[in-house]
Amino acid sequence: MEPEQSINNRRSLAPYKQAITRYIRAAMVLKGLKYSALADRLTHKGVVITPENLRSKVSKGMFSSDLLAAIVDVLGLEEDAMREILKLVRSD
């Protein structure tokens, strides 16, 4: 891939990263969870991640789709997650 295309891809994907970050943070606030509690819930699913690492990944919007799915699962958001994330993307 050409460097210019890579830059264009990052630029095009940025709104999705921002929307995912906002959605996860808002869900955590609504559920009264801190990163340590979210990390504990993930650990119960077999996904071991430190609260600091989780905070970093969420703030950057840089994590794998499987981790996003696990977060959506432990937060109990599977019904609305994708629809709400796409609404955020489209509203910007």
N, C-alpha and C. Protein backbone atom coordinates (compact mmCIF):
# COMPACT_ATOMS: atom_id res chain seq x y z
N MET A 1 0.84 -1.17 0.00
CA MET A 1 0.00 0.00 0.00
C MET A 1 0.89 1.24 0.00
N GLU A 2 0.51 2.19 -0.77
CA GLU A 2 1.24 3.45 -0.85
C GLU A 2 1.08 4.23 0.45
N PRO A 3 2.11 4.95 0.87
CA PRO A 3 2.02 5.75 2.10
C PRO A 3 0.84 6.73 2.09
N GLU A 4 0.59 7.33 0.94
CA GLU A 4 -0.52 8.28 0.85
C GLU A 4 -1.86 7.60 1.11
N GLN A 5 -2.02 6.38 0.59
CA GLN A 5 -3.26 5.64 0.82
C GLN A 5 -3.41 5.28 2.29
N SER A 6 -2.32 4.92 2.93
CA SER A 6 -2.36 4.60 4.35
C SER A 6 -2.83 5.82 5.16
N ILE A 7 -2.33 6.98 4.81
CA ILE A 7 -2.74 8.23 5.47
C ILE A 7 -4.22 8.49 5.23
N ASN A 8 -4.66 8.29 4.00
CA ASN A 8 -6.08 8.48 3.67
C ASN A 8 -6.97 7.51 4.43
N ASN A 9 -6.51 6.27 4.56
CA ASN A 9 -7.27 5.28 5.32
C ASN A 9 -7.40 5.69 6.78
N ARG A 10 -6.30 6.11 7.38
CA ARG A 10 -6.34 6.55 8.78
C ARG A 10 -7.31 7.71 8.95
N ARG A 11 -7.27 8.64 8.03
CA ARG A 11 -8.16 9.80 8.08
C ARG A 11 -9.62 9.36 7.95
N SER A 12 -9.89 8.43 7.05
CA SER A 12 -11.25 7.96 6.84
C SER A 12 -11.79 7.15 8.02
N LEU A 13 -10.91 6.44 8.71
CA LEU A 13 -11.33 5.60 9.84
C LEU A 13 -11.40 6.37 11.15
N ALA A 14 -10.83 7.55 11.21
CA ALA A 14 -10.79 8.34 12.45
C ALA A 14 -12.18 8.57 13.06
N PRO A 15 -13.20 8.92 12.27
CA PRO A 15 -14.53 9.12 12.89
C PRO A 15 -15.07 7.85 13.55
N TYR A 16 -14.74 6.69 13.02
CA TYR A 16 -15.19 5.44 13.62
C TYR A 16 -14.49 5.21 14.96
N LYS A 17 -13.21 5.46 15.00
CA LYS A 17 -12.46 5.33 16.25
C LYS A 17 -13.01 6.27 17.31
N GLN A 18 -13.26 7.51 16.92
CA GLN A 18 -13.80 8.49 17.86
C GLN A 18 -15.17 8.08 18.36
N ALA A 19 -16.02 7.59 17.47
CA ALA A 19 -17.36 7.17 17.86
C ALA A 19 -17.32 5.98 18.83
N ILE A 20 -16.45 5.03 18.56
CA ILE A 20 -16.32 3.87 19.44
C ILE A 20 -15.85 4.32 20.82
N THR A 21 -14.87 5.20 20.85
CA THR A 21 -14.36 5.72 22.12
C THR A 21 -15.47 6.42 22.90
N ARG A 22 -16.21 7.30 22.23
CA ARG A 22 -17.30 8.03 22.90
C ARG A 22 -18.38 7.06 23.39
N TYR A 23 -18.71 6.09 22.58
CA TYR A 23 -19.76 5.14 22.94
C TYR A 23 -19.36 4.32 24.17
N ILE A 24 -18.16 3.79 24.18
CA ILE A 24 -17.72 2.98 25.32
C ILE A 24 -17.65 3.83 26.58
N ARG A 25 -17.07 5.02 26.48
CA ARG A 25 -16.99 5.89 27.66
C ARG A 25 -18.38 6.25 28.18
N ALA A 26 -19.30 6.59 27.28
CA ALA A 26 -20.65 6.94 27.71
C ALA A 26 -21.34 5.75 28.37
N ALA A 27 -21.17 4.56 27.81
CA ALA A 27 -21.78 3.36 28.40
C ALA A 27 -21.22 3.10 29.79
N MET A 28 -19.92 3.30 29.95
CA MET A 28 -19.31 3.11 31.26
C MET A 28 -19.88 4.10 32.28
N VAL A 29 -20.03 5.36 31.87
CA VAL A 29 -20.59 6.37 32.77
C VAL A 29 -22.02 6.00 33.14
N LEU A 30 -22.83 5.64 32.16
CA LEU A 30 -24.22 5.29 32.42
C LEU A 30 -24.35 4.09 33.36
N LYS A 31 -23.40 3.17 33.27
CA LYS A 31 -23.43 1.99 34.13
C LYS A 31 -22.63 2.18 35.41
N GLY A 32 -22.03 3.36 35.56
CA GLY A 32 -21.27 3.67 36.78
C GLY A 32 -20.01 2.83 36.93
N LEU A 33 -19.37 2.52 35.81
CA LEU A 33 -18.17 1.67 35.84
C LEU A 33 -16.91 2.48 35.59
N LYS A 34 -15.88 2.10 36.28
CA LYS A 34 -14.55 2.63 36.01
C LYS A 34 -13.79 1.56 35.23
N TYR A 35 -12.61 1.93 34.73
CA TYR A 35 -11.84 0.98 33.92
C TYR A 35 -11.47 -0.27 34.72
N SER A 36 -11.24 -0.12 36.02
CA SER A 36 -10.89 -1.29 36.83
C SER A 36 -12.06 -2.29 36.87
N ALA A 37 -13.28 -1.79 36.98
CA ALA A 37 -14.45 -2.68 36.99
C ALA A 37 -14.66 -3.33 35.62
N LEU A 38 -14.44 -2.56 34.55
CA LEU A 38 -14.57 -3.12 33.21
C LEU A 38 -13.50 -4.19 32.99
N ALA A 39 -12.29 -3.94 33.44
CA ALA A 39 -11.21 -4.93 33.32
C ALA A 39 -11.56 -6.19 34.11
N ASP A 40 -12.17 -6.04 35.30
CA ASP A 40 -12.60 -7.20 36.09
C ASP A 40 -13.64 -8.02 35.35
N ARG A 41 -14.60 -7.33 34.74
CA ARG A 41 -15.64 -8.03 33.99
C ARG A 41 -15.04 -8.80 32.81
N LEU A 42 -14.07 -8.18 32.15
CA LEU A 42 -13.40 -8.86 31.04
C LEU A 42 -12.63 -10.07 31.53
N THR A 43 -11.99 -9.95 32.70
CA THR A 43 -11.24 -11.06 33.28
C THR A 43 -12.16 -12.26 33.53
N HIS A 44 -13.38 -11.99 33.97
CA HIS A 44 -14.35 -13.07 34.20
C HIS A 44 -14.71 -13.78 32.90
N LYS A 45 -14.51 -13.13 31.76
CA LYS A 45 -14.74 -13.75 30.45
C LYS A 45 -13.47 -14.39 29.90
N GLY A 46 -12.39 -14.30 30.68
CA GLY A 46 -11.12 -14.88 30.24
C GLY A 46 -10.21 -13.93 29.49
N VAL A 47 -10.58 -12.65 29.43
CA VAL A 47 -9.78 -11.64 28.75
C VAL A 47 -9.06 -10.83 29.83
N VAL A 48 -7.79 -11.08 29.99
CA VAL A 48 -7.03 -10.41 31.04
C VAL A 48 -6.35 -9.18 30.45
N ILE A 49 -6.70 -8.02 31.00
CA ILE A 49 -6.16 -6.75 30.54
C ILE A 49 -6.14 -5.81 31.75
N THR A 50 -5.08 -5.05 31.88
CA THR A 50 -5.01 -4.13 33.02
C THR A 50 -5.91 -2.93 32.76
N PRO A 51 -6.40 -2.31 33.83
CA PRO A 51 -7.21 -1.10 33.65
C PRO A 51 -6.47 -0.01 32.87
N GLU A 52 -5.18 0.12 33.10
CA GLU A 52 -4.38 1.13 32.40
C GLU A 52 -4.30 0.84 30.91
N ASN A 53 -4.08 -0.42 30.57
CA ASN A 53 -4.00 -0.81 29.16
C ASN A 53 -5.36 -0.62 28.49
N LEU A 54 -6.42 -0.97 29.19
CA LEU A 54 -7.77 -0.80 28.67
C LEU A 54 -8.08 0.68 28.45
N ARG A 55 -7.73 1.51 29.41
CA ARG A 55 -7.95 2.96 29.28
C ARG A 55 -7.21 3.50 28.07
N SER A 56 -5.98 3.07 27.88
CA SER A 56 -5.18 3.51 26.75
C SER A 56 -5.81 3.09 25.43
N LYS A 57 -6.23 1.84 25.35
CA LYS A 57 -6.83 1.34 24.12
C LYS A 57 -8.13 2.08 23.80
N VAL A 58 -8.96 2.30 24.81
CA VAL A 58 -10.23 2.98 24.58
C VAL A 58 -9.98 4.44 24.20
N SER A 59 -9.07 5.10 24.88
CA SER A 59 -8.85 6.52 24.59
C SER A 59 -8.30 6.74 23.18
N LYS A 60 -7.52 5.78 22.70
CA LYS A 60 -6.98 5.88 21.34
C LYS A 60 -7.92 5.29 20.30
N GLY A 61 -8.92 4.54 20.77
CA GLY A 61 -9.81 3.85 19.84
C GLY A 61 -9.07 2.79 19.05
N MET A 62 -8.03 2.26 19.64
CA MET A 62 -7.16 1.31 18.96
C MET A 62 -7.20 -0.05 19.65
N PHE A 63 -8.14 -0.86 19.22
CA PHE A 63 -8.18 -2.21 19.73
C PHE A 63 -8.85 -3.10 18.70
N SER A 64 -8.68 -4.39 18.90
CA SER A 64 -9.18 -5.35 17.92
C SER A 64 -10.71 -5.45 17.98
N SER A 65 -11.26 -5.93 16.92
CA SER A 65 -12.71 -6.11 16.87
C SER A 65 -13.17 -7.13 17.90
N ASP A 66 -12.34 -8.13 18.19
CA ASP A 66 -12.75 -9.12 19.18
C ASP A 66 -12.78 -8.52 20.59
N LEU A 67 -11.86 -7.60 20.89
CA LEU A 67 -11.91 -6.92 22.18
C LEU A 67 -13.13 -6.00 22.25
N LEU A 68 -13.45 -5.32 21.16
CA LEU A 68 -14.66 -4.50 21.13
C LEU A 68 -15.89 -5.38 21.40
N ALA A 69 -15.96 -6.54 20.77
CA ALA A 69 -17.09 -7.44 20.99
C ALA A 69 -17.16 -7.89 22.45
N ALA A 70 -16.02 -8.18 23.05
CA ALA A 70 -15.99 -8.59 24.46
C ALA A 70 -16.45 -7.45 25.36
N ILE A 71 -16.04 -6.23 25.07
CA ILE A 71 -16.45 -5.07 25.86
C ILE A 71 -17.96 -4.87 25.74
N VAL A 72 -18.46 -4.93 24.53
CA VAL A 72 -19.91 -4.80 24.29
C VAL A 72 -20.66 -5.88 25.07
N ASP A 73 -20.14 -7.08 25.07
CA ASP A 73 -20.76 -8.20 25.78
C ASP A 73 -20.80 -7.95 27.29
N VAL A 74 -19.66 -7.62 27.88
CA VAL A 74 -19.63 -7.46 29.34
C VAL A 74 -20.40 -6.22 29.80
N LEU A 75 -20.56 -5.25 28.92
CA LEU A 75 -21.37 -4.08 29.27
C LEU A 75 -22.85 -4.31 29.00
N GLY A 76 -23.18 -5.44 28.37
CA GLY A 76 -24.58 -5.76 28.08
C GLY A 76 -25.19 -4.85 27.03
N LEU A 77 -24.41 -4.51 26.01
CA LEU A 77 -24.84 -3.54 25.00
C LEU A 77 -25.05 -4.15 23.62
N GLU A 78 -25.09 -5.46 23.56
CA GLU A 78 -25.11 -6.11 22.25
C GLU A 78 -26.29 -5.72 21.38
N GLU A 79 -27.38 -5.31 21.96
CA GLU A 79 -28.56 -4.95 21.16
C GLU A 79 -28.39 -3.64 20.40
N ASP A 80 -27.67 -2.69 21.00
CA ASP A 80 -27.63 -1.33 20.47
C ASP A 80 -26.27 -0.86 19.97
N ALA A 81 -25.22 -1.56 20.28
CA ALA A 81 -23.87 -1.04 20.10
C ALA A 81 -23.59 -0.54 18.68
N MET A 82 -23.73 -1.38 17.70
CA MET A 82 -23.34 -0.98 16.35
C MET A 82 -24.22 0.15 15.83
N ARG A 83 -25.51 0.07 16.09
CA ARG A 83 -26.43 1.11 15.64
C ARG A 83 -26.05 2.46 16.26
N GLU A 84 -25.74 2.46 17.55
CA GLU A 84 -25.40 3.71 18.23
C GLU A 84 -24.04 4.25 17.79
N ILE A 85 -23.08 3.37 17.57
CA ILE A 85 -21.77 3.80 17.09
C ILE A 85 -21.90 4.43 15.71
N LEU A 86 -22.66 3.80 14.83
CA LEU A 86 -22.84 4.36 13.48
C LEU A 86 -23.62 5.67 13.51
N LYS A 87 -24.55 5.83 14.43
CA LYS A 87 -25.24 7.12 14.58
C LYS A 87 -24.24 8.21 14.93
N LEU A 88 -23.32 7.90 15.84
CA LEU A 88 -22.30 8.88 16.22
C LEU A 88 -21.43 9.25 15.03
N VAL A 89 -21.05 8.28 14.24
CA VAL A 89 -20.22 8.53 13.07
C VAL A 89 -20.97 9.43 12.09
N ARG A 90 -22.20 9.12 11.85
CA ARG A 90 -22.98 9.83 10.84
C ARG A 90 -23.41 11.23 11.31
N SER A 91 -23.40 11.47 12.60
CA SER A 91 -23.83 12.78 13.10
C SER A 91 -22.70 13.80 13.07
N ASP A 92 -21.49 13.35 12.89
CA ASP A 92 -20.33 14.28 12.85
C ASP A 92 -20.20 14.97 11.51
